[in-house]
């Protein structure tokens, strides 16, 4: 009898240890229950990057309404789960440790996630977000009723309320961050705000400042913080190149080695022209630029051409200037696509032009052919 009791105790102890066995560091295990989802369907964990490109990180197959993902991850990150044939996507925090997910086969976004403080915070965020979205949907129904009843007063009131709530919904990530400045999830949410286009740079800056304590909490968070800060710097620089902005000053060496600055040569109208001797479209456009320069230089037009020629090709650069009769200001560090001025002006293809007015304000970009002459004529004729 004692042996039986001892054996039962040993079995219980072994089973208990197996159930509570910790995962190795930087390892995740996601157990998913998928009631009503057909066997054999594939499920994916995906990353969506800043340009909305999707990358599959892990794959599992549904068997008996259950499937499991296991793998390694260095830093927590917001990822999405999808299942072939099931509507929607499920954003969640992929991080080391054990996570359980209960799938809603009718809408993945309604699935339940259990297993980490970050996902608990993310559940709170999504609950609040969808509550606001549902309120907007109800107002949309009320708008239709008011329209059918021709109740213009109520219709205008509902439209105004809907517009305000949509703005609030669009900014809810920033609101959550402000209300949860100590949550790692807030930093992960901020990282998602650099995906896509038309970001509010000031909101990104303010939220990054709010999360300094979180950023300094770990090496992983510092990496995310640097990524967001780099994005803000890039977007800020790009915004300085928008039409209506004063063109950023720059300086670079001329073929003779003299340093020429944009601010020192600007005229009543100025063309900043990015080109290279090896660029065939540039060389085809040069006669048109020459014609515009000869026609309008006496009226105040100045041109400064920035070459993206390579180191060791100075003679080729000089020959192209002479052959194409480009009798205006020229500068280059001969660093190809790493030309500092080209990087400052976010140049990723040539030819490229910026047209400035007498105050150095950018009034047009990327003009060629007749369009270039028409803009210069508008400024000087």
Protein backbone atom coordinates (compact mmCIF):
# COMPACT_ATOMS: atom_id res chain seq x y z
CA UNK A 1 0.00 0.00 0.00
CA UNK A 2 2.81 2.40 0.89
CA UNK A 3 4.51 1.58 -2.43
CA UNK A 4 1.33 2.43 -4.34
CA UNK A 5 0.96 5.74 -2.50
CA UNK A 6 4.64 6.56 -3.13
CA UNK A 7 4.26 5.70 -6.82
CA UNK A 8 1.22 7.96 -7.11
CA UNK A 9 3.13 10.80 -5.46
CA UNK A 10 6.05 10.37 -7.88
CA UNK A 11 3.73 10.32 -10.91
CA UNK A 12 1.92 13.41 -9.65
CA UNK A 13 5.22 15.22 -9.04
CA UNK A 14 6.56 14.34 -12.51
CA UNK A 15 3.29 15.41 -14.19
CA UNK A 16 3.28 18.66 -12.21
CA UNK A 17 6.87 19.44 -13.22
CA UNK A 18 6.08 18.74 -16.85
CA UNK A 19 3.12 21.10 -16.76
CA UNK A 20 5.11 23.97 -15.28
CA UNK A 21 8.31 23.47 -17.24
CA UNK A 22 9.63 26.82 -18.35
CA UNK A 23 10.55 27.50 -21.95
CA UNK A 24 14.14 28.25 -22.95
CA UNK A 25 14.98 31.97 -23.15
CA UNK A 26 13.79 33.83 -26.26
CA UNK A 27 11.39 31.00 -27.14
CA UNK A 28 7.67 31.30 -27.77
CA UNK A 29 4.96 28.65 -27.67
CA UNK A 30 1.51 29.64 -28.89
CA UNK A 31 -1.29 27.13 -28.40
CA UNK A 32 -4.35 27.90 -30.49
CA UNK A 33 -7.79 26.34 -30.13
CA UNK A 34 -9.89 26.79 -33.25
CA UNK A 35 -13.39 25.39 -32.73
CA UNK A 36 -15.24 25.01 -36.00
CA UNK A 37 -12.14 25.51 -38.16
CA UNK A 38 -11.55 22.71 -40.68
CA UNK A 39 -8.63 20.33 -40.41
CA UNK A 40 -5.78 20.94 -42.81
CA UNK A 41 -6.16 24.71 -43.07
CA UNK A 42 -2.91 26.65 -42.73
CA UNK A 43 -2.40 29.42 -40.22
CA UNK A 44 0.35 32.02 -40.39
CA UNK A 45 2.14 34.50 -38.17
CA UNK A 46 3.07 37.48 -40.33
CA UNK A 47 5.02 40.70 -40.06
CA UNK A 48 3.74 43.81 -41.84
CA UNK A 49 6.51 46.35 -42.40
CA UNK A 50 6.51 50.14 -42.86
CA UNK A 51 5.56 49.76 -46.55
CA UNK A 52 2.76 47.29 -45.74
CA UNK A 53 4.72 44.37 -47.17
CA UNK A 54 3.81 41.04 -45.53
CA UNK A 55 6.39 38.45 -44.48
CA UNK A 56 5.42 34.99 -43.18
CA UNK A 57 7.32 34.24 -39.96
CA UNK A 58 5.77 30.94 -38.92
CA UNK A 59 3.23 28.39 -40.22
CA UNK A 60 1.01 25.80 -38.53
CA UNK A 61 -1.72 23.42 -39.72
CA UNK A 62 -5.08 22.97 -37.99
CA UNK A 63 -5.53 19.41 -36.68
CA UNK A 64 -8.54 18.46 -34.54
CA UNK A 65 -9.35 22.16 -34.01
CA UNK A 66 -5.92 22.81 -32.45
CA UNK A 67 -2.54 24.01 -33.70
CA UNK A 68 0.69 25.27 -32.15
CA UNK A 69 3.41 27.72 -33.12
CA UNK A 70 6.87 27.41 -31.59
CA UNK A 71 9.99 29.36 -32.38
CA UNK A 72 12.56 31.89 -31.26
CA UNK A 73 12.18 35.64 -30.90
CA UNK A 74 14.64 38.17 -29.53
CA UNK A 75 12.34 41.11 -28.96
CA UNK A 76 8.58 41.48 -28.41
CA UNK A 77 6.76 42.76 -31.49
CA UNK A 78 3.21 43.22 -32.76
CA UNK A 79 2.48 40.60 -35.39
CA UNK A 80 -0.68 39.27 -37.02
CA UNK A 81 -2.20 35.78 -37.14
CA UNK A 82 -4.22 34.67 -40.17
CA UNK A 83 -5.97 31.41 -41.12
CA UNK A 84 -6.78 30.44 -44.68
CA UNK A 85 -10.53 30.63 -45.21
CA UNK A 86 -11.20 32.55 -41.97
CA UNK A 87 -12.20 36.21 -42.14
CA UNK A 88 -10.03 38.93 -40.63
CA UNK A 89 -6.62 39.10 -39.00
CA UNK A 90 -5.62 38.88 -35.35
CA UNK A 91 -2.96 41.35 -34.20
CA UNK A 92 -1.15 40.20 -31.07
CA UNK A 93 2.15 40.61 -29.25
CA UNK A 94 4.60 37.89 -30.25
CA UNK A 95 7.10 37.44 -27.43
CA UNK A 96 8.91 34.77 -25.48
CA UNK A 97 6.81 32.58 -23.20
CA UNK A 98 3.56 30.66 -23.46
CA UNK A 99 0.50 32.25 -25.04
CA UNK A 100 -2.98 30.78 -25.51
CA UNK A 101 -5.40 31.92 -28.21
CA UNK A 102 -9.07 30.97 -28.61
CA UNK A 103 -10.10 31.56 -32.22
CA UNK A 104 -13.40 33.16 -33.21
CA UNK A 105 -13.97 31.45 -36.57
CA UNK A 106 -16.43 34.15 -37.68
CA UNK A 107 -13.99 37.02 -37.14
CA UNK A 108 -10.38 36.53 -36.13
CA UNK A 109 -10.16 40.01 -34.61
CA UNK A 110 -12.62 38.89 -31.90
CA UNK A 111 -10.40 36.00 -30.75
CA UNK A 112 -9.19 35.80 -27.14
CA UNK A 113 -5.50 36.03 -26.25
CA UNK A 114 -4.15 34.98 -22.84
CA UNK A 115 -0.63 34.69 -21.55
CA UNK A 116 1.36 37.90 -21.14
CA UNK A 117 1.08 41.39 -19.68
CA UNK A 118 1.71 42.90 -23.11
CA UNK A 119 -1.17 40.95 -24.61
CA UNK A 120 -3.37 41.85 -21.64
CA UNK A 121 -2.66 45.53 -22.36
CA UNK A 122 -3.23 44.92 -26.06
CA UNK A 123 -6.60 43.29 -25.30
CA UNK A 124 -7.57 46.42 -23.36
CA UNK A 125 -6.47 48.62 -26.26
CA UNK A 126 -8.45 46.60 -28.81
CA UNK A 127 -11.56 46.50 -26.61
CA UNK A 128 -11.56 50.28 -26.27
CA UNK A 129 -10.78 50.72 -29.96
CA UNK A 130 -13.65 48.50 -31.13
CA UNK A 131 -16.08 50.15 -28.70
CA UNK A 132 -15.35 53.45 -30.41
CA UNK A 133 -15.61 51.86 -33.86
CA UNK A 134 -18.98 50.32 -32.98
CA UNK A 135 -20.25 53.71 -31.80
CA UNK A 136 -19.33 55.19 -35.17
CA UNK A 137 -21.15 52.34 -36.95
CA UNK A 138 -24.31 53.02 -34.93
CA UNK A 139 -24.13 56.72 -35.78
CA UNK A 140 -23.78 55.76 -39.44
CA UNK A 141 -27.11 53.91 -39.16
CA UNK A 142 -28.66 56.94 -37.48
CA UNK A 143 -27.37 59.14 -40.31
CA UNK A 144 -29.15 56.95 -42.84
CA UNK A 145 -32.39 57.14 -40.84
CA UNK A 146 -32.13 60.94 -40.57
CA UNK A 147 -31.48 61.14 -44.31
CA UNK A 148 -34.54 59.00 -45.05
CA UNK A 149 -36.66 61.21 -42.80
CA UNK A 150 -35.16 64.36 -44.35
CA UNK A 151 -34.23 65.59 -40.84
CA UNK A 152 -31.49 68.00 -41.88
CA UNK A 153 -30.86 69.37 -38.38
CA UNK A 154 -30.27 65.90 -36.92
CA UNK A 155 -28.33 64.87 -40.04
CA UNK A 156 -25.82 67.71 -39.65
CA UNK A 157 -25.51 67.05 -35.93
CA UNK A 158 -24.79 63.35 -36.50
CA UNK A 159 -22.29 64.05 -39.26
CA UNK A 160 -20.39 66.43 -37.00
CA UNK A 161 -20.39 63.88 -34.19
CA UNK A 162 -19.26 61.13 -36.56
CA UNK A 163 -16.40 63.26 -37.87
CA UNK A 164 -15.23 64.01 -34.34
CA UNK A 165 -15.39 60.35 -33.28
CA UNK A 166 -13.51 59.21 -36.41
CA UNK A 167 -10.70 61.65 -35.59
CA UNK A 168 -10.66 60.35 -32.02
CA UNK A 169 -10.51 56.77 -33.30
CA UNK A 170 -7.66 57.53 -35.70
CA UNK A 171 -5.68 59.04 -32.83
CA UNK A 172 -6.60 56.42 -30.22
CA UNK A 173 -3.16 54.79 -30.27
CA UNK A 174 -1.64 58.11 -29.17
CA UNK A 175 -4.36 58.50 -26.52
CA UNK A 176 -3.61 55.01 -25.17
CA UNK A 177 0.11 55.77 -25.06
CA UNK A 178 -0.53 58.96 -23.08
CA UNK A 179 -2.77 57.06 -20.64
CA UNK A 180 -0.33 54.12 -20.30
CA UNK A 181 3.16 55.67 -20.31
CA UNK A 182 4.69 52.75 -18.35
CA UNK A 183 3.48 49.95 -20.63
CA UNK A 184 5.82 48.19 -23.04
CA UNK A 185 2.76 47.71 -25.25
CA UNK A 186 2.58 51.49 -25.66
CA UNK A 187 6.02 51.44 -27.30
CA UNK A 188 5.01 48.57 -29.58
CA UNK A 189 1.88 50.50 -30.54
CA UNK A 190 3.96 53.55 -31.36
CA UNK A 191 6.11 51.38 -33.62
CA UNK A 192 2.99 50.46 -35.63
CA UNK A 193 2.27 54.16 -36.20
CA UNK A 194 5.23 54.46 -38.56
CA UNK A 195 3.61 51.96 -40.95
CA UNK A 196 1.93 53.46 -44.00
CA UNK A 197 1.79 57.11 -44.96
CA UNK A 198 0.75 60.58 -43.78
CA UNK A 199 2.06 60.25 -40.23
CA UNK A 200 1.65 63.11 -37.76
CA UNK A 201 5.28 63.78 -36.91
CA UNK A 202 4.49 65.96 -33.91
CA UNK A 203 2.34 63.22 -32.35
CA UNK A 204 5.14 60.70 -32.94
CA UNK A 205 7.66 63.03 -31.29
CA UNK A 206 5.43 63.71 -28.28
CA UNK A 207 4.67 60.01 -27.75
CA UNK A 208 8.36 59.11 -28.01
CA UNK A 209 9.11 61.65 -25.27
CA UNK A 210 6.33 60.19 -23.09
CA UNK A 211 7.87 56.72 -23.40
CA UNK A 212 11.49 57.54 -22.53
CA UNK A 213 11.24 55.50 -19.29
CA UNK A 214 9.91 52.48 -21.19
CA UNK A 215 12.53 52.85 -23.93
CA UNK A 216 15.37 52.80 -21.38
CA UNK A 217 13.93 49.72 -19.68
CA UNK A 218 15.62 47.16 -21.95
CA UNK A 219 17.96 46.75 -24.90
CA UNK A 220 15.02 45.59 -27.04
CA UNK A 221 13.02 48.71 -26.23
CA UNK A 222 16.02 50.94 -26.93
CA UNK A 223 16.28 49.35 -30.38
CA UNK A 224 12.61 50.16 -31.10
CA UNK A 225 13.09 53.68 -29.76
CA UNK A 226 16.05 54.27 -32.11
CA UNK A 227 14.03 52.91 -35.04
CA UNK A 228 11.14 55.32 -34.36
CA UNK A 229 13.52 58.23 -33.77
CA UNK A 230 15.28 57.53 -37.10
CA UNK A 231 11.90 57.46 -38.85
CA UNK A 232 10.94 60.79 -37.30
CA UNK A 233 14.24 62.34 -38.41
CA UNK A 234 13.77 61.06 -41.97
CA UNK A 235 10.17 62.29 -42.21
CA UNK A 236 11.08 65.65 -40.72
CA UNK A 237 13.80 66.07 -43.34
CA UNK A 238 11.37 65.08 -46.10
CA UNK A 239 8.79 67.58 -44.86
CA UNK A 240 11.41 70.31 -45.22
CA UNK A 241 11.47 69.51 -48.94
CA UNK A 242 7.74 70.03 -49.49
CA UNK A 243 6.46 72.76 -51.80
CA UNK A 244 6.10 75.93 -49.76
CA UNK A 245 9.17 75.23 -47.61
CA UNK A 246 12.43 77.16 -47.84
CA UNK A 247 14.95 74.92 -49.61
CA UNK A 248 17.55 73.61 -47.15
CA UNK A 249 20.93 75.21 -47.66
CA UNK A 250 23.85 73.04 -48.72
CA UNK A 251 27.45 73.44 -49.77
CA UNK A 252 29.73 71.24 -51.85
CA UNK A 253 32.95 71.52 -53.89
CA UNK A 254 32.97 72.82 -57.46
CA UNK A 255 35.13 71.14 -60.13
CA UNK A 256 37.88 73.59 -59.14
CA UNK A 257 37.59 72.62 -55.47
CA UNK A 258 35.86 75.84 -54.37
CA UNK A 259 33.05 75.35 -51.85
CA UNK A 260 29.78 76.71 -53.22
CA UNK A 261 26.71 77.20 -51.03
CA UNK A 262 23.15 77.34 -52.34
CA UNK A 263 22.39 80.46 -50.30
CA UNK A 264 25.26 82.32 -51.98
CA UNK A 265 24.18 81.78 -55.59
CA UNK A 266 20.36 81.94 -55.51
CA UNK A 267 18.72 84.25 -58.07
CA UNK A 268 15.23 85.59 -58.67
CA UNK A 269 14.51 81.98 -59.67
CA UNK A 270 16.79 79.02 -59.00
CA UNK A 271 16.91 75.47 -60.31
CA UNK A 272 18.62 72.77 -58.23
CA UNK A 273 19.40 70.08 -60.77
CA UNK A 274 20.46 66.55 -59.74
CA UNK A 275 22.10 64.61 -62.55
CA UNK A 276 25.17 62.54 -63.54
CA UNK A 277 27.30 62.11 -66.64
CA UNK A 278 26.34 58.40 -66.78
CA UNK A 279 22.59 59.15 -66.62
CA UNK A 280 21.15 58.95 -70.16
CA UNK A 281 17.79 60.61 -69.30
CA UNK A 282 19.76 63.45 -67.68
CA UNK A 283 21.90 63.94 -70.76
CA UNK A 284 18.79 63.96 -72.98
CA UNK A 285 17.21 66.63 -70.75
CA UNK A 286 20.32 68.83 -70.58
CA UNK A 287 19.70 70.64 -73.91
CA UNK A 288 16.30 71.74 -72.63
CA UNK A 289 17.84 73.04 -69.38
CA UNK A 290 20.50 74.87 -71.41
CA UNK A 291 17.82 76.49 -73.54
CA UNK A 292 15.89 77.65 -70.45
CA UNK A 293 19.07 78.97 -68.83
CA UNK A 294 20.14 80.95 -71.92
CA UNK A 295 16.65 82.42 -72.25
CA UNK A 296 16.18 83.43 -68.61
CA UNK A 297 19.62 83.88 -67.04
CA UNK A 298 19.67 87.63 -67.82
CA UNK A 299 16.27 87.91 -66.08
CA UNK A 300 17.62 86.39 -62.87
CA UNK A 301 17.66 82.60 -63.33
CA UNK A 302 20.45 80.68 -61.62
CA UNK A 303 21.13 76.94 -61.79
CA UNK A 304 23.23 74.76 -59.53
CA UNK A 305 23.75 71.21 -60.77
CA UNK A 306 24.64 68.49 -58.26
CA UNK A 307 26.32 65.50 -59.89
CA UNK A 308 26.04 61.92 -58.66
CA UNK A 309 29.17 60.87 -60.51
CA UNK A 310 31.52 58.40 -58.86
CA UNK A 311 34.92 58.88 -57.30
CA UNK A 312 37.53 58.51 -60.03
CA UNK A 313 35.18 59.83 -62.70
CA UNK A 314 35.89 63.53 -62.34
CA UNK A 315 37.19 63.84 -65.89
CA UNK A 316 34.02 62.21 -67.20
CA UNK A 317 31.94 64.68 -65.15
CA UNK A 318 33.92 67.66 -66.50
CA UNK A 319 33.69 66.41 -70.08
CA UNK A 320 29.89 66.06 -69.81
CA UNK A 321 29.61 69.63 -68.48
CA UNK A 322 31.62 70.92 -71.44
CA UNK A 323 29.99 68.72 -74.08
CA UNK A 324 26.46 69.68 -72.95
CA UNK A 325 27.27 73.43 -72.65
CA UNK A 326 26.16 73.59 -69.01
CA UNK A 327 27.58 77.02 -68.23
CA UNK A 328 26.34 77.45 -64.66
CA UNK A 329 27.27 76.36 -61.12
CA UNK A 330 28.33 72.74 -60.59
CA UNK A 331 29.13 70.84 -57.41
CA UNK A 332 29.79 67.24 -56.42
CA UNK A 333 31.57 65.16 -53.79
CA UNK A 334 31.78 62.35 -56.40
CA UNK A 335 30.14 59.85 -54.06
CA UNK A 336 27.54 58.37 -56.43
CA UNK A 337 24.21 57.73 -54.60
CA UNK A 338 25.92 58.59 -51.32
CA UNK A 339 26.36 62.19 -52.51
CA UNK A 340 25.60 64.15 -49.28
CA UNK A 341 23.50 66.79 -51.04
CA UNK A 342 21.45 64.12 -52.82
CA UNK A 343 20.85 62.35 -49.51
CA UNK A 344 19.88 65.65 -47.89
CA UNK A 345 17.31 66.16 -50.66
CA UNK A 346 16.08 62.55 -50.53
CA UNK A 347 17.04 61.88 -54.14
CA UNK A 348 16.37 58.30 -55.26
CA UNK A 349 16.20 58.83 -59.02
CA UNK A 350 17.62 61.31 -61.53
CA UNK A 351 17.16 63.66 -63.25
CA UNK A 352 15.47 65.53 -60.43
CA UNK A 353 14.84 69.26 -60.05
CA UNK A 354 13.73 71.68 -57.36
CA UNK A 355 12.57 75.14 -58.50
CA UNK A 356 12.91 78.01 -56.02
CA UNK A 357 11.45 81.50 -56.08
CA UNK A 358 13.35 84.68 -55.18
CA UNK A 359 12.99 83.91 -51.46
CA UNK A 360 14.40 80.41 -51.82
CA UNK A 361 10.99 78.81 -51.31
CA UNK A 362 10.35 75.55 -53.18
CA UNK A 363 7.58 76.26 -55.69
CA UNK A 364 7.84 73.11 -57.86
CA UNK A 365 9.68 69.79 -58.12
CA UNK A 366 10.55 67.19 -60.73
CA UNK A 367 9.79 69.42 -63.71
CA UNK A 368 11.27 68.65 -67.13
CA UNK A 369 10.78 69.75 -70.71
CA UNK A 370 8.14 72.39 -71.41
CA UNK A 371 6.83 72.23 -67.85
CA UNK A 372 10.20 73.46 -66.54
CA UNK A 373 10.25 76.43 -68.91
CA UNK A 374 6.62 77.32 -68.11
CA UNK A 375 7.36 77.49 -64.38
CA UNK A 376 10.48 79.64 -64.90
CA UNK A 377 8.51 81.92 -67.21
CA UNK A 378 5.83 82.24 -64.54
CA UNK A 379 8.47 83.35 -62.02
CA UNK A 380 10.43 85.73 -64.26
CA UNK A 381 8.32 86.97 -67.17
